[in-house]
Amino acid sequence: MKSKILIIFILLFCLSCKTTYDNFNSKSDKKKLEFVHKNLNELNGIDLGNFIYQLQQENVDFTNYNILLKAKLKNCEFAYDFYVLSNLLSQKKENNSYLESIINDKITLWDSGNWAEKMWKMIENNNFNISNPNYYAINKGIKIYNFQEFLNEKNINNELGKNPLLTVNYDMVFYKNGALIKIIDSLNIKQIDYKPISESIKLYGKRGKDGIIYILTK
């Protein structure tokens, strides 16, 4: 019985959402602005992506909401949101200068996890001038890492020690002291992220005294 009620609720919710979007173009300009503003303020993650997708299905001209989209982009806290919004704004060439600036400013937000590669491909497609760290090069949106350079930089800045904890594809990998480079050289790296010593100690105690490295492979 409960499952039937849940299914009915989901169907009604989906129907109400469809009705809301279907009626979008019949709203007054003021109501459209209020609707977009409310949802941009409230939604994040997949919900934000779905909201933008539904408006695209209604052939909405996003030029009218440039200011709102830029404000949302500026305050983004998640890499996915940043990608979705910057990709949308990049469809209008007049946004290029603004996007170059904010993408450079927020590289520590978006240049991590699974969305970094999509961001770099979008950047290359639009010929944006974005400065990347010197420990990797970009080729067709794909990162080519120099792990020794990465580790040297983090060692010099006291962000990582010589034997940081290591996870590969979310699994902890244990290794002997001094064997980190050998392990890394055997991997086909897609993305490297890390938590510095100051943060990893809070998570792992003494085990985190050299920081932690997170690696995703291709």
C-alpha atoms as a PDB file:
ATOM      1  CA  MET A   1       0.000   0.000   0.000  1.00  0.00           C
ATOM      2  CA  LYS A   2       2.775   2.404   0.975  1.00  0.00           C
ATOM      3  CA  SER A   3       4.654   1.650  -2.245  1.00  0.00           C
ATOM      4  CA  LYS A   4       1.534   2.434  -4.315  1.00  0.00           C
ATOM      5  CA  ILE A   5       1.092   5.760  -2.521  1.00  0.00           C
ATOM      6  CA  LEU A   6       4.752   6.599  -3.138  1.00  0.00           C
ATOM      7  CA  ILE A   7       4.434   5.793  -6.852  1.00  0.00           C
ATOM      8  CA  ILE A   8       1.306   7.958  -7.138  1.00  0.00           C
ATOM      9  CA  PHE A   9       3.092  10.810  -5.338  1.00  0.00           C
ATOM     10  CA  ILE A  10       6.082  10.591  -7.689  1.00  0.00           C
ATOM     11  CA  LEU A  11       3.829  10.569 -10.769  1.00  0.00           C
ATOM     12  CA  LEU A  12       1.881  13.583  -9.510  1.00  0.00           C
ATOM     13  CA  PHE A  13       5.134  15.396  -8.710  1.00  0.00           C
ATOM     14  CA  CYS A  14       6.528  14.705 -12.187  1.00  0.00           C
ATOM     15  CA  LEU A  15       3.252  15.807 -13.776  1.00  0.00           C
ATOM     16  CA  SER A  16       3.242  19.055 -11.789  1.00  0.00           C
ATOM     17  CA  CYS A  17       6.849  19.740 -12.831  1.00  0.00           C
ATOM     18  CA  LYS A  18       6.001  19.100 -16.488  1.00  0.00           C
ATOM     19  CA  THR A  19       2.990  21.399 -16.243  1.00  0.00           C
ATOM     20  CA  THR A  20       5.139  24.109 -14.650  1.00  0.00           C
ATOM     21  CA  TYR A  21       7.707  23.991 -17.448  1.00  0.00           C
ATOM     22  CA  ASP A  22       5.109  23.608 -20.200  1.00  0.00           C
ATOM     23  CA  ASN A  23       3.464  26.815 -18.988  1.00  0.00           C
ATOM     24  CA  PHE A  24       6.742  28.725 -18.748  1.00  0.00           C
ATOM     25  CA  ASN A  25       6.442  30.558 -22.066  1.00  0.00           C
ATOM     26  CA  SER A  26       2.908  31.634 -21.260  1.00  0.00           C
ATOM     27  CA  LYS A  27       4.030  33.451 -18.099  1.00  0.00           C
ATOM     28  CA  SER A  28       4.557  37.194 -18.019  1.00  0.00           C
ATOM     29  CA  ASP A  29       8.169  38.430 -18.176  1.00  0.00           C
ATOM     30  CA  LYS A  30       7.996  39.272 -14.484  1.00  0.00           C
ATOM     31  CA  LYS A  31       6.736  35.793 -13.561  1.00  0.00           C
ATOM     32  CA  LYS A  32       9.400  34.163 -15.729  1.00  0.00           C
ATOM     33  CA  LEU A  33      12.120  36.167 -13.986  1.00  0.00           C
ATOM     34  CA  GLU A  34      10.748  35.265 -10.532  1.00  0.00           C
ATOM     35  CA  PHE A  35      10.522  31.585 -11.488  1.00  0.00           C
ATOM     36  CA  VAL A  36      14.106  31.400 -12.783  1.00  0.00           C
ATOM     37  CA  HIS A  37      15.466  33.446  -9.871  1.00  0.00           C
ATOM     38  CA  LYS A  38      13.751  31.230  -7.278  1.00  0.00           C
ATOM     39  CA  ASN A  39      15.011  27.994  -8.808  1.00  0.00           C
ATOM     40  CA  LEU A  40      18.558  29.205  -9.414  1.00  0.00           C
ATOM     41  CA  ASN A  41      18.744  30.257  -5.768  1.00  0.00           C
ATOM     42  CA  GLU A  42      17.340  27.001  -4.397  1.00  0.00           C
ATOM     43  CA  LEU A  43      18.631  24.231  -6.679  1.00  0.00           C
ATOM     44  CA  ASN A  44      22.020  22.533  -6.797  1.00  0.00           C
ATOM     45  CA  GLY A  45      23.516  19.402  -8.344  1.00  0.00           C
ATOM     46  CA  ILE A  46      21.322  17.203 -10.542  1.00  0.00           C
ATOM     47  CA  ASP A  47      18.247  19.262  -9.645  1.00  0.00           C
ATOM     48  CA  LEU A  48      19.919  22.352 -11.086  1.00  0.00           C
ATOM     49  CA  GLY A  49      20.980  20.430 -14.194  1.00  0.00           C
ATOM     50  CA  ASN A  50      17.428  19.141 -14.702  1.00  0.00           C
ATOM     51  CA  PHE A  51      15.993  22.632 -14.249  1.00  0.00           C
ATOM     52  CA  ILE A  52      18.240  24.053 -16.963  1.00  0.00           C
ATOM     53  CA  TYR A  53      17.541  21.056 -19.236  1.00  0.00           C
ATOM     54  CA  GLN A  54      13.776  21.517 -18.919  1.00  0.00           C
ATOM     55  CA  LEU A  55      14.054  25.199 -19.801  1.00  0.00           C
ATOM     56  CA  GLN A  56      16.192  24.305 -22.823  1.00  0.00           C
ATOM     57  CA  GLN A  57      13.442  21.915 -23.932  1.00  0.00           C
ATOM     58  CA  GLU A  58      11.099  24.920 -23.848  1.00  0.00           C
ATOM     59  CA  ASN A  59      13.548  26.868 -26.063  1.00  0.00           C
ATOM     60  CA  VAL A  60      14.046  29.498 -23.390  1.00  0.00           C
ATOM     61  CA  ASP A  61      16.316  32.401 -24.379  1.00  0.00           C
ATOM     62  CA  PHE A  62      18.824  32.404 -21.497  1.00  0.00           C
ATOM     63  CA  THR A  63      20.195  35.790 -22.578  1.00  0.00           C
ATOM     64  CA  ASN A  64      17.368  37.322 -20.550  1.00  0.00           C
ATOM     65  CA  TYR A  65      18.739  35.649 -17.404  1.00  0.00           C
ATOM     66  CA  ASN A  66      22.456  36.326 -17.884  1.00  0.00           C
ATOM     67  CA  ILE A  67      22.761  38.363 -14.688  1.00  0.00           C
ATOM     68  CA  LEU A  68      21.061  35.649 -12.618  1.00  0.00           C
ATOM     69  CA  LEU A  69      23.197  32.888 -14.154  1.00  0.00           C
ATOM     70  CA  LYS A  70      26.406  34.835 -13.534  1.00  0.00           C
ATOM     71  CA  ALA A  71      25.430  35.468  -9.911  1.00  0.00           C
ATOM     72  CA  LYS A  72      24.753  31.742  -9.422  1.00  0.00           C
ATOM     73  CA  LEU A  73      28.082  30.868 -11.060  1.00  0.00           C
ATOM     74  CA  LYS A  74      29.977  33.302  -8.845  1.00  0.00           C
ATOM     75  CA  ASN A  75      28.531  31.717  -5.691  1.00  0.00           C
ATOM     76  CA  CYS A  76      28.891  28.081  -6.789  1.00  0.00           C
ATOM     77  CA  GLU A  77      30.190  25.622  -4.205  1.00  0.00           C
ATOM     78  CA  PHE A  78      30.169  22.456  -6.328  1.00  0.00           C
ATOM     79  CA  ALA A  79      32.159  21.492  -9.441  1.00  0.00           C
ATOM     80  CA  TYR A  80      29.096  20.029 -11.197  1.00  0.00           C
ATOM     81  CA  ASP A  81      27.101  23.256 -10.777  1.00  0.00           C
ATOM     82  CA  PHE A  82      30.053  25.291 -11.994  1.00  0.00           C
ATOM     83  CA  TYR A  83      30.382  23.165 -15.125  1.00  0.00           C
ATOM     84  CA  VAL A  84      26.668  23.242 -15.974  1.00  0.00           C
ATOM     85  CA  LEU A  85      26.411  27.012 -15.587  1.00  0.00           C
ATOM     86  CA  SER A  86      29.685  27.944 -17.288  1.00  0.00           C
ATOM     87  CA  ASN A  87      28.859  25.608 -20.192  1.00  0.00           C
ATOM     88  CA  LEU A  88      25.463  27.293 -20.557  1.00  0.00           C
ATOM     89  CA  LEU A  89      26.931  30.807 -20.416  1.00  0.00           C
ATOM     90  CA  SER A  90      29.638  29.859 -22.941  1.00  0.00           C
ATOM     91  CA  GLN A  91      26.952  29.535 -25.623  1.00  0.00           C
ATOM     92  CA  LYS A  92      26.939  33.337 -25.850  1.00  0.00           C
ATOM     93  CA  LYS A  93      30.247  34.805 -27.029  1.00  0.00           C
ATOM     94  CA  GLU A  94      29.641  38.043 -25.136  1.00  0.00           C
ATOM     95  CA  ASN A  95      30.167  36.070 -21.914  1.00  0.00           C
ATOM     96  CA  ASN A  96      33.679  34.933 -22.862  1.00  0.00           C
ATOM     97  CA  SER A  97      35.610  37.652 -21.028  1.00  0.00           C
ATOM     98  CA  TYR A  98      33.594  37.115 -17.832  1.00  0.00           C
ATOM     99  CA  LEU A  99      33.963  33.340 -18.052  1.00  0.00           C
ATOM    100  CA  GLU A 100      37.726  33.490 -18.548  1.00  0.00           C
ATOM    101  CA  SER A 101      38.041  35.603 -15.418  1.00  0.00           C
ATOM    102  CA  ILE A 102      35.829  33.536 -13.112  1.00  0.00           C
ATOM    103  CA  ILE A 103      37.103  30.170 -14.401  1.00  0.00           C
ATOM    104  CA  ASN A 104      40.648  31.278 -13.601  1.00  0.00           C
ATOM    105  CA  ASP A 105      39.593  32.598 -10.194  1.00  0.00           C
ATOM    106  CA  LYS A 106      37.740  29.394  -9.249  1.00  0.00           C
ATOM    107  CA  ILE A 107      40.104  26.758 -10.608  1.00  0.00           C
ATOM    108  CA  THR A 108      40.467  25.150  -7.166  1.00  0.00           C
ATOM    109  CA  LEU A 109      36.687  24.553  -7.154  1.00  0.00           C
ATOM    110  CA  TRP A 110      36.149  22.978 -10.571  1.00  0.00           C
ATOM    111  CA  ASP A 111      39.538  21.404 -11.290  1.00  0.00           C
ATOM    112  CA  SER A 112      38.833  18.295  -9.232  1.00  0.00           C
ATOM    113  CA  GLY A 113      37.012  14.986  -9.445  1.00  0.00           C
ATOM    114  CA  ASN A 114      35.180  13.767 -12.525  1.00  0.00           C
ATOM    115  CA  TRP A 115      34.155  17.213 -13.782  1.00  0.00           C
ATOM    116  CA  ALA A 116      37.665  18.586 -14.329  1.00  0.00           C
ATOM    117  CA  GLU A 117      38.034  16.823 -17.691  1.00  0.00           C
ATOM    118  CA  LYS A 118      34.674  18.119 -18.948  1.00  0.00           C
ATOM    119  CA  MET A 119      35.642  21.634 -17.874  1.00  0.00           C
ATOM    120  CA  TRP A 120      38.968  21.491 -19.723  1.00  0.00           C
ATOM    121  CA  LYS A 121      37.245  20.240 -22.884  1.00  0.00           C
ATOM    122  CA  MET A 122      34.753  23.102 -22.664  1.00  0.00           C
ATOM    123  CA  ILE A 123      37.637  25.537 -22.110  1.00  0.00           C
ATOM    124  CA  GLU A 124      39.496  24.238 -25.182  1.00  0.00           C
ATOM    125  CA  ASN A 125      36.348  24.297 -27.334  1.00  0.00           C
ATOM    126  CA  ASN A 126      35.902  27.981 -26.506  1.00  0.00           C
ATOM    127  CA  ASN A 127      39.609  28.893 -26.690  1.00  0.00           C
ATOM    128  CA  PHE A 128      39.529  30.325 -23.174  1.00  0.00           C
ATOM    129  CA  ASN A 129      42.884  31.417 -21.778  1.00  0.00           C
ATOM    130  CA  ILE A 130      43.066  29.507 -18.475  1.00  0.00           C
ATOM    131  CA  SER A 131      46.271  29.019 -16.489  1.00  0.00           C
ATOM    132  CA  ASN A 132      46.735  25.458 -15.257  1.00  0.00           C
ATOM    133  CA  PRO A 133      49.302  24.265 -12.646  1.00  0.00           C
ATOM    134  CA  ASN A 134      52.736  23.424 -14.051  1.00  0.00           C
ATOM    135  CA  TYR A 135      52.538  19.752 -13.006  1.00  0.00           C
ATOM    136  CA  TYR A 136      50.178  18.775 -15.815  1.00  0.00           C
ATOM    137  CA  ALA A 137      49.610  19.673 -19.464  1.00  0.00           C
ATOM    138  CA  ILE A 138      46.263  19.694 -21.304  1.00  0.00           C
ATOM    139  CA  ASN A 139      45.744  17.863 -24.589  1.00  0.00           C
ATOM    140  CA  LYS A 140      42.201  17.864 -26.044  1.00  0.00           C
ATOM    141  CA  GLY A 141      40.798  18.382 -22.571  1.00  0.00           C
ATOM    142  CA  ILE A 142      42.772  15.478 -21.098  1.00  0.00           C
ATOM    143  CA  LYS A 143      45.374  16.010 -18.373  1.00  0.00           C
ATOM    144  CA  ILE A 144      48.868  14.626 -18.759  1.00  0.00           C
ATOM    145  CA  TYR A 145      50.461  14.571 -15.305  1.00  0.00           C
ATOM    146  CA  ASN A 146      54.043  14.845 -14.136  1.00  0.00           C
ATOM    147  CA  PHE A 147      53.528  13.272 -10.717  1.00  0.00           C
ATOM    148  CA  GLN A 148      57.078  13.943  -9.523  1.00  0.00           C
ATOM    149  CA  GLU A 149      56.560  17.647 -10.263  1.00  0.00           C
ATOM    150  CA  PHE A 150      53.217  17.537  -8.425  1.00  0.00           C
ATOM    151  CA  LEU A 151      54.759  15.926  -5.351  1.00  0.00           C
ATOM    152  CA  ASN A 152      57.769  18.278  -5.361  1.00  0.00           C
ATOM    153  CA  GLU A 153      55.499  21.329  -5.412  1.00  0.00           C
ATOM    154  CA  LYS A 154      53.315  20.052  -2.561  1.00  0.00           C
ATOM    155  CA  ASN A 155      56.422  19.068  -0.535  1.00  0.00           C
ATOM    156  CA  ILE A 156      57.970  22.529  -0.952  1.00  0.00           C
ATOM    157  CA  ASN A 157      54.713  24.180   0.142  1.00  0.00           C
ATOM    158  CA  ASN A 158      54.451  21.793   3.134  1.00  0.00           C
ATOM    159  CA  GLU A 159      51.058  20.615   1.914  1.00  0.00           C
ATOM    160  CA  LEU A 160      52.175  16.980   1.582  1.00  0.00           C
ATOM    161  CA  GLY A 161      54.947  14.932   3.174  1.00  0.00           C
ATOM    162  CA  LYS A 162      57.093  12.308   1.463  1.00  0.00           C
ATOM    163  CA  ASN A 163      54.754   9.370   2.173  1.00  0.00           C
ATOM    164  CA  PRO A 164      51.156  10.594   1.989  1.00  0.00           C
ATOM    165  CA  LEU A 165      48.201   8.261   2.246  1.00  0.00           C
ATOM    166  CA  LEU A 166      46.999   7.115  -1.161  1.00  0.00           C
ATOM    167  CA  THR A 167      43.611   6.173  -2.574  1.00  0.00           C
ATOM    168  CA  VAL A 168      43.109   4.935  -6.139  1.00  0.00           C
ATOM    169  CA  ASN A 169      39.534   4.989  -7.453  1.00  0.00           C
ATOM    170  CA  TYR A 170      38.329   5.492  -3.845  1.00  0.00           C
ATOM    171  CA  ASP A 171      40.178   2.442  -2.467  1.00  0.00           C
ATOM    172  CA  MET A 172      43.029   2.890   0.005  1.00  0.00           C
ATOM    173  CA  VAL A 173      46.364   1.638  -1.348  1.00  0.00           C
ATOM    174  CA  PHE A 174      49.106   0.710   1.114  1.00  0.00           C
ATOM    175  CA  TYR A 175      52.758   0.951   0.086  1.00  0.00           C
ATOM    176  CA  LYS A 176      56.217   0.863   1.600  1.00  0.00           C
ATOM    177  CA  ASN A 177      57.950   4.138   2.402  1.00  0.00           C
ATOM    178  CA  GLY A 178      59.656   5.492  -0.683  1.00  0.00           C
ATOM    179  CA  ALA A 179      57.618   3.360  -3.108  1.00  0.00           C
ATOM    180  CA  LEU A 180      54.969   5.952  -3.975  1.00  0.00           C
ATOM    181  CA  ILE A 181      56.458   7.085  -7.301  1.00  0.00           C
ATOM    182  CA  LYS A 182      56.786   3.483  -8.530  1.00  0.00           C
ATOM    183  CA  ILE A 183      53.097   2.828  -7.808  1.00  0.00           C
ATOM    184  CA  ILE A 184      51.966   6.056  -9.451  1.00  0.00           C
ATOM    185  CA  ASP A 185      54.035   5.394 -12.572  1.00  0.00           C
ATOM    186  CA  SER A 186      52.075   2.182 -13.132  1.00  0.00           C
ATOM    187  CA  LEU A 187      48.738   4.026 -13.257  1.00  0.00           C
ATOM    188  CA  ASN A 188      46.929   5.619 -16.184  1.00  0.00           C
ATOM    189  CA  ILE A 189      45.974   8.797 -14.331  1.00  0.00           C
ATOM    190  CA  LYS A 190      42.861  10.796 -15.115  1.00  0.00           C
ATOM    191  CA  GLN A 191      42.741  13.095 -12.082  1.00  0.00           C
ATOM    192  CA  ILE A 192      44.807  13.829  -8.974  1.00  0.00           C
ATOM    193  CA  ASP A 193      43.308  15.535  -5.942  1.00  0.00           C
ATOM    194  CA  TYR A 194      44.623  15.800  -2.399  1.00  0.00           C
ATOM    195  CA  LYS A 195      44.040  16.995   1.126  1.00  0.00           C
ATOM    196  CA  PRO A 196      46.978  18.800   2.730  1.00  0.00           C
ATOM    197  CA  ILE A 197      48.515  17.763   6.029  1.00  0.00           C
ATOM    198  CA  SER A 198      46.426  20.254   8.004  1.00  0.00           C
ATOM    199  CA  GLU A 199      43.188  18.630   6.814  1.00  0.00           C
ATOM    200  CA  SER A 200      44.243  14.973   6.590  1.00  0.00           C
ATOM    201  CA  ILE A 201      45.375  14.915  10.232  1.00  0.00           C
ATOM    202  CA  LYS A 202      41.846  15.897  11.259  1.00  0.00           C
ATOM    203  CA  LEU A 203      40.498  12.954   9.245  1.00  0.00           C
ATOM    204  CA  TYR A 204      43.104  10.250   9.900  1.00  0.00           C
ATOM    205  CA  GLY A 205      45.036  11.358  12.968  1.00  0.00           C
ATOM    206  CA  LYS A 206      48.721  10.386  12.917  1.00  0.00           C
ATOM    207  CA  ARG A 207      48.156   8.319   9.774  1.00  0.00           C
ATOM    208  CA  GLY A 208      47.450  11.553   7.929  1.00  0.00           C
ATOM    209  CA  LYS A 209      50.661  13.297   8.989  1.00  0.00           C
ATOM    210  CA  ASP A 210      51.877  13.452   5.357  1.00  0.00           C
ATOM    211  CA  GLY A 211      48.512  14.326   3.791  1.00  0.00           C
ATOM    212  CA  ILE A 212      46.460  12.190   1.431  1.00  0.00           C
ATOM    213  CA  ILE A 213      46.338  11.846  -2.362  1.00  0.00           C
ATOM    214  CA  TYR A 214      43.223  10.827  -4.303  1.00  0.00           C
ATOM    215  CA  ILE A 215      43.738   9.393  -7.787  1.00  0.00           C
ATOM    216  CA  LEU A 216      41.165   8.530 -10.449  1.00  0.00           C
ATOM    217  CA  THR A 217      42.348   6.409 -13.364  1.00  0.00           C
ATOM    218  CA  LYS A 218      41.120   6.357 -16.959  1.00  0.00           C
END
